[in-house]
Amino acid sequence: MNTILKKYIIFAIASILMAGALRAQEEELDPNVDRLSIPFRNDSQKRLEANLLNGGITVVGYEGEEAIVEAKRRNFEKESVSNNGMRMIQLPSTGLFAEEFNNQIKVGSNALKATVDITIKVPFETSLSLNCVNKGDILIENITGEIEVQNVNGAITINNSSGAVLAHALNRDIVVTLNEVYPDKPMSFTSLNGDIDLTIPADTKAELKLQTFNGKIMSDFDIDVEARDKSPKITDGRPEGGRYRLEFEKAFYGSINGGGPQFIINTHNGVISIRKLTTE
């Protein structure tokens, strides 16, 4: 190898290393990003709770023993000029906090007026309770456990996970792919204006209650339709000065693979899709 070629190779390697170091330094000095790690107390029944008023939450399972949390403030401006010419100095902090008690880690932000996106890495086998209100989606990947998730104005996506899920998204879609489901745990997926797309193993046993008022129900499972009493539901509020109401329930009842725990899937204006998990 001649001298000129060696110099080019050394220069290229040095440039790559320098660029990586600069990127790492920029990330470390970024005032909009806060990072922390917090250990669980022990290995049994680990649980993570995260709540945000403005922003999104991402949770990813990994081969570790603690929760690693990163919060980034969205659309941050250090200064802004008001009408009277004075400058408003904004605090760069994300307001990130985390605490552990009784093997449950709680994560959130006390910067209530800021939009903060939080990414959390937790051990694979961790149960979750996640809640968002505005300006963000919830994404969950590689988790095994009991998953409770609510999002008022954002979507919910769960990929490559296992366990039992209770999910509610008021105005957006719910997309869930489970590699395994707990055989004795009921599940619920509800939305007002979003579609619900559920992928589960082909041998899943469940009793289904499916409702959509303005959408369709799609499935590649063989569903055994359950015969139900066709009598109307009666609501009698007259003893308290209210109304007397008769209503036929608009719901589909059935079972897959002989039945099991109940899965409730309900959307007012969306499409329901129940798919078999394909293994390649």
Protein backbone atom coordinates (compact mmCIF):
# COMPACT_ATOMS: atom_id res chain seq x y z
CA MET A 1 0.00 0.00 0.00
CA ASN A 2 1.57 3.30 -1.03
CA THR A 3 2.03 6.28 1.29
CA ILE A 4 -0.67 8.46 -0.33
CA LEU A 5 -3.32 5.74 0.00
CA LYS A 6 -2.38 5.22 3.65
CA LYS A 7 -2.81 8.95 4.30
CA TYR A 8 -6.25 8.93 2.67
CA ILE A 9 -7.36 5.97 4.80
CA ILE A 10 -6.05 7.54 8.01
CA PHE A 11 -7.76 10.83 7.13
CA ALA A 12 -11.07 9.08 6.42
CA ILE A 13 -10.99 7.14 9.69
CA ALA A 14 -10.09 10.28 11.65
CA SER A 15 -12.95 12.20 10.01
CA ILE A 16 -15.47 9.51 10.92
CA LEU A 17 -14.27 9.38 14.53
CA MET A 18 -14.28 13.15 14.84
CA ALA A 19 -17.79 13.41 13.38
CA GLY A 20 -19.06 10.81 15.84
CA ALA A 21 -17.41 12.60 18.75
CA LEU A 22 -18.90 15.94 17.68
CA ARG A 23 -22.37 14.41 17.38
CA ALA A 24 -22.03 12.87 20.83
CA GLN A 25 -20.85 16.20 22.24
CA GLU A 26 -23.74 18.05 20.61
CA GLU A 27 -26.21 15.54 22.08
CA GLU A 28 -24.60 15.84 25.49
CA LEU A 29 -24.74 19.65 25.38
CA ASP A 30 -28.23 19.87 23.88
CA PRO A 31 -30.17 21.94 26.43
CA ASN A 32 -33.44 20.49 25.18
CA VAL A 33 -32.52 16.91 26.15
CA ASP A 34 -32.44 15.48 29.67
CA ARG A 35 -31.31 11.92 30.45
CA LEU A 36 -31.40 9.75 33.53
CA SER A 37 -31.38 6.12 34.60
CA ILE A 38 -33.12 4.62 37.60
CA PRO A 39 -32.91 0.99 38.82
CA PHE A 40 -35.79 -1.26 39.75
CA ARG A 41 -35.73 -2.57 43.30
CA ASN A 42 -35.69 -6.24 42.27
CA ASP A 43 -36.47 -8.55 39.36
CA SER A 44 -40.04 -9.47 40.29
CA GLN A 45 -43.15 -7.73 38.92
CA LYS A 46 -41.45 -4.69 37.46
CA ARG A 47 -43.84 -1.90 36.47
CA LEU A 48 -43.45 1.42 34.67
CA GLU A 49 -45.93 4.28 34.84
CA ALA A 50 -45.53 7.33 32.58
CA ASN A 51 -47.84 10.32 32.20
CA LEU A 52 -47.63 13.34 29.88
CA LEU A 53 -49.92 16.30 29.30
CA ASN A 54 -48.21 17.43 26.08
CA GLY A 55 -45.97 15.10 24.09
CA GLY A 56 -45.46 11.47 23.15
CA ILE A 57 -44.13 8.39 24.92
CA THR A 58 -41.98 5.61 23.44
CA VAL A 59 -41.17 2.50 25.50
CA VAL A 60 -38.75 -0.15 24.23
CA GLY A 61 -37.74 -3.37 25.96
CA TYR A 62 -34.02 -4.23 26.23
CA GLU A 63 -31.63 -6.62 27.99
CA GLY A 64 -30.97 -4.47 31.01
CA GLU A 65 -31.89 -4.07 34.66
CA GLU A 66 -32.87 -0.40 34.93
CA ALA A 67 -35.04 2.20 33.24
CA ILE A 68 -33.14 4.54 30.94
CA VAL A 69 -35.09 7.71 30.23
CA GLU A 70 -34.51 10.45 27.68
CA ALA A 71 -36.75 13.51 27.40
CA LYS A 72 -36.56 16.09 24.62
CA ARG A 73 -38.37 19.39 24.55
CA ARG A 74 -40.06 20.00 21.22
CA ASN A 75 -39.95 23.34 19.31
CA PHE A 76 -37.93 25.09 22.00
CA GLU A 77 -37.01 28.75 21.51
CA LYS A 78 -34.58 30.23 23.98
CA GLU A 79 -35.97 33.75 23.66
CA SER A 80 -39.07 35.37 22.23
CA VAL A 81 -39.89 39.06 21.88
CA SER A 82 -43.19 40.36 23.23
CA ASN A 83 -45.20 43.31 21.93
CA ASN A 84 -43.58 45.74 24.35
CA GLY A 85 -40.11 44.80 23.17
CA MET A 86 -39.12 42.81 26.25
CA ARG A 87 -37.64 39.37 25.83
CA MET A 88 -39.16 36.34 27.50
CA ILE A 89 -36.42 33.96 28.62
CA GLN A 90 -37.66 30.36 28.57
CA LEU A 91 -36.27 27.66 30.78
CA PRO A 92 -34.68 24.90 28.66
CA SER A 93 -35.44 22.08 31.10
CA THR A 94 -37.85 19.33 30.08
CA GLY A 95 -39.04 19.05 33.67
CA LEU A 96 -38.28 15.32 33.53
CA PHE A 97 -38.61 13.38 36.77
CA ALA A 98 -38.49 9.71 37.75
CA GLU A 99 -39.07 7.94 41.04
CA GLU A 100 -39.14 4.34 42.22
CA PHE A 101 -41.31 2.85 44.95
CA ASN A 102 -42.09 -0.81 45.60
CA ASN A 103 -40.54 -1.84 42.26
CA GLN A 104 -42.70 0.61 40.30
CA ILE A 105 -41.01 3.43 38.41
CA LYS A 106 -43.00 6.58 37.70
CA VAL A 107 -41.85 8.96 34.93
CA GLY A 108 -43.26 12.31 33.86
CA SER A 109 -42.64 16.00 33.23
CA ASN A 110 -43.53 18.96 35.42
CA ALA A 111 -43.04 21.39 32.52
CA LEU A 112 -46.78 21.47 31.90
CA LYS A 113 -46.75 24.18 29.21
CA ALA A 114 -43.95 22.55 27.20
CA THR A 115 -44.27 19.74 24.67
CA VAL A 116 -41.92 16.97 25.75
CA ASP A 117 -41.27 13.63 24.04
CA ILE A 118 -40.05 10.86 26.34
CA THR A 119 -38.24 7.66 25.30
CA ILE A 120 -37.83 4.94 27.93
CA LYS A 121 -35.87 1.68 27.78
CA VAL A 122 -36.94 -0.94 30.31
CA PRO A 123 -36.25 -4.67 30.82
CA PHE A 124 -38.26 -6.86 28.44
CA GLU A 125 -40.54 -8.21 31.19
CA THR A 126 -42.08 -5.01 32.53
CA SER A 127 -45.74 -4.13 32.91
CA LEU A 128 -46.76 -0.68 31.69
CA SER A 129 -49.27 2.05 32.48
CA LEU A 130 -48.96 4.93 29.98
CA ASN A 131 -51.10 8.04 29.56
CA CYS A 132 -50.90 10.95 27.09
CA VAL A 133 -53.31 13.82 26.43
CA ASN A 134 -52.11 16.16 23.66
CA LYS A 135 -49.60 16.43 20.80
CA GLY A 136 -48.09 12.97 20.85
CA ASP A 137 -48.40 9.29 20.04
CA ILE A 138 -47.60 6.26 22.20
CA LEU A 139 -45.28 3.56 20.81
CA ILE A 140 -44.44 0.31 22.61
CA GLU A 141 -41.99 -2.32 21.34
CA ASN A 142 -40.47 -5.56 22.68
CA ILE A 143 -42.42 -5.70 25.94
CA THR A 144 -43.87 -8.68 27.82
CA GLY A 145 -46.37 -7.91 30.54
CA GLU A 146 -49.68 -6.30 31.35
CA ILE A 147 -50.02 -3.15 29.26
CA GLU A 148 -52.48 -0.36 30.06
CA VAL A 149 -52.38 2.63 27.73
CA GLN A 150 -54.56 5.68 27.13
CA ASN A 151 -54.12 8.49 24.64
CA VAL A 152 -56.70 11.23 24.19
CA ASN A 153 -55.53 12.90 20.98
CA GLY A 154 -52.81 10.62 19.67
CA ALA A 155 -52.37 7.13 18.24
CA ILE A 156 -51.35 3.94 20.04
CA THR A 157 -48.98 1.42 18.42
CA ILE A 158 -47.76 -1.79 20.09
CA ASN A 159 -45.28 -3.96 18.16
CA ASN A 160 -43.50 -7.27 18.83
CA SER A 161 -44.89 -7.58 22.33
CA SER A 162 -46.66 -10.20 24.47
CA GLY A 163 -49.10 -10.26 27.35
CA ALA A 164 -52.44 -8.57 27.93
CA VAL A 165 -53.50 -5.13 26.68
CA LEU A 166 -56.06 -2.54 27.74
CA ALA A 167 -55.89 0.31 25.21
CA HIS A 168 -58.02 3.41 24.70
CA ALA A 169 -57.39 6.09 22.07
CA LEU A 170 -60.18 8.65 21.85
CA ASN A 171 -59.47 10.23 18.48
CA ARG A 172 -56.79 8.17 16.72
CA ASP A 173 -55.99 4.61 15.64
CA ILE A 174 -54.92 1.65 17.74
CA VAL A 175 -52.54 -0.83 16.06
CA VAL A 176 -51.42 -3.82 18.16
CA THR A 177 -49.30 -6.86 17.23
CA LEU A 178 -48.88 -9.50 19.93
CA ASN A 179 -46.58 -12.50 19.58
CA GLU A 180 -48.24 -14.22 22.57
CA VAL A 181 -51.30 -13.47 24.69
CA TYR A 182 -51.94 -14.44 28.30
CA PRO A 183 -54.45 -17.33 28.13
CA ASP A 184 -56.46 -16.21 31.17
CA LYS A 185 -56.45 -12.40 30.81
CA PRO A 186 -59.24 -10.36 29.16
CA MET A 187 -58.29 -7.52 26.82
CA SER A 188 -59.99 -4.32 25.69
CA PHE A 189 -59.40 -1.96 22.76
CA THR A 190 -61.65 1.11 22.45
CA SER A 191 -61.73 4.28 20.37
CA LEU A 192 -64.26 6.91 19.38
CA ASN A 193 -62.92 8.07 16.02
CA GLY A 194 -60.07 5.70 15.20
CA ASP A 195 -59.58 2.33 13.53
CA ILE A 196 -58.56 -0.67 15.65
CA ASP A 197 -56.16 -3.19 14.09
CA LEU A 198 -55.31 -6.23 16.23
CA THR A 199 -52.89 -9.01 15.21
CA ILE A 200 -52.70 -12.06 17.49
CA PRO A 201 -51.43 -15.67 17.22
CA ALA A 202 -53.60 -17.99 15.12
CA ASP A 203 -54.22 -20.33 18.08
CA THR A 204 -55.53 -17.60 20.39
CA LYS A 205 -58.66 -18.63 22.31
CA ALA A 206 -61.09 -15.81 23.07
CA GLU A 207 -64.68 -14.70 23.41
CA LEU A 208 -65.23 -11.62 21.26
CA LYS A 209 -67.48 -8.61 21.73
CA LEU A 210 -67.14 -6.34 18.70
CA GLN A 211 -68.89 -3.00 18.18
CA THR A 212 -68.63 -0.33 15.51
CA PHE A 213 -71.44 2.07 14.76
CA ASN A 214 -70.21 3.65 11.53
CA GLY A 215 -67.49 1.25 10.36
CA LYS A 216 -66.84 -2.35 9.33
CA ILE A 217 -65.53 -5.51 10.99
CA MET A 218 -62.84 -7.47 9.14
CA SER A 219 -61.13 -10.73 10.17
CA ASP A 220 -59.26 -13.71 8.75
CA PHE A 221 -60.18 -15.82 11.83
CA ASP A 222 -63.01 -18.34 11.68
CA ILE A 223 -65.40 -16.80 14.20
CA ASP A 224 -68.21 -18.87 15.70
CA VAL A 225 -71.21 -16.59 16.07
CA GLU A 226 -72.80 -16.69 19.50
CA ALA A 227 -76.59 -16.72 19.72
CA ARG A 228 -77.80 -13.94 22.00
CA ASP A 229 -81.08 -12.97 23.57
CA LYS A 230 -82.76 -10.55 21.15
CA SER A 231 -84.72 -8.77 23.85
CA PRO A 232 -84.05 -5.03 24.04
CA LYS A 233 -82.02 -3.53 26.82
CA ILE A 234 -84.27 -1.63 29.24
CA THR A 235 -83.16 1.50 31.07
CA ASP A 236 -85.74 2.74 33.53
CA GLY A 237 -84.97 6.12 35.02
CA ARG A 238 -88.53 7.02 35.88
CA PRO A 239 -88.22 6.41 39.64
CA GLU A 240 -85.67 9.26 39.68
CA GLY A 241 -87.67 11.44 37.30
CA GLY A 242 -85.79 10.23 34.22
CA ARG A 243 -86.68 8.38 31.03
CA TYR A 244 -87.72 4.87 30.18
CA ARG A 245 -85.63 3.58 27.23
CA LEU A 246 -85.61 0.41 25.11
CA GLU A 247 -82.59 -0.31 22.93
CA PHE A 248 -81.25 -3.24 20.92
CA GLU A 249 -77.52 -3.58 21.41
CA LYS A 250 -75.48 -3.13 18.24
CA ALA A 251 -72.75 -5.65 18.99
CA PHE A 252 -71.33 -8.84 17.50
CA TYR A 253 -70.61 -11.73 19.85
CA GLY A 254 -68.52 -14.73 18.85
CA SER A 255 -65.60 -16.96 19.76
CA ILE A 256 -62.35 -18.09 18.18
CA ASN A 257 -60.70 -21.47 18.74
CA GLY A 258 -63.39 -22.58 21.17
CA GLY A 259 -63.47 -19.47 23.33
CA GLY A 260 -61.47 -18.09 26.22
CA PRO A 261 -61.15 -14.75 28.02
CA GLN A 262 -63.24 -11.89 26.65
CA PHE A 263 -61.75 -9.46 24.14
CA ILE A 264 -63.79 -6.25 23.82
CA ILE A 265 -63.13 -4.20 20.67
CA ASN A 266 -65.22 -1.07 20.32
CA THR A 267 -65.00 1.95 18.02
CA HIS A 268 -67.73 4.40 17.12
CA ASN A 269 -66.52 5.66 13.75
CA GLY A 270 -63.70 3.32 12.77
CA VAL A 271 -62.95 -0.05 11.20
CA ILE A 272 -62.15 -3.14 13.29
CA SER A 273 -59.57 -5.58 11.88
CA ILE A 274 -58.57 -8.82 13.64
CA ARG A 275 -55.66 -10.60 11.97
CA LYS A 276 -53.77 -13.86 12.41
CA LEU A 277 -50.10 -13.42 13.19
CA THR A 278 -48.05 -14.83 10.34
CA THR A 279 -44.76 -16.54 11.12
CA GLU A 280 -42.20 -16.68 8.35
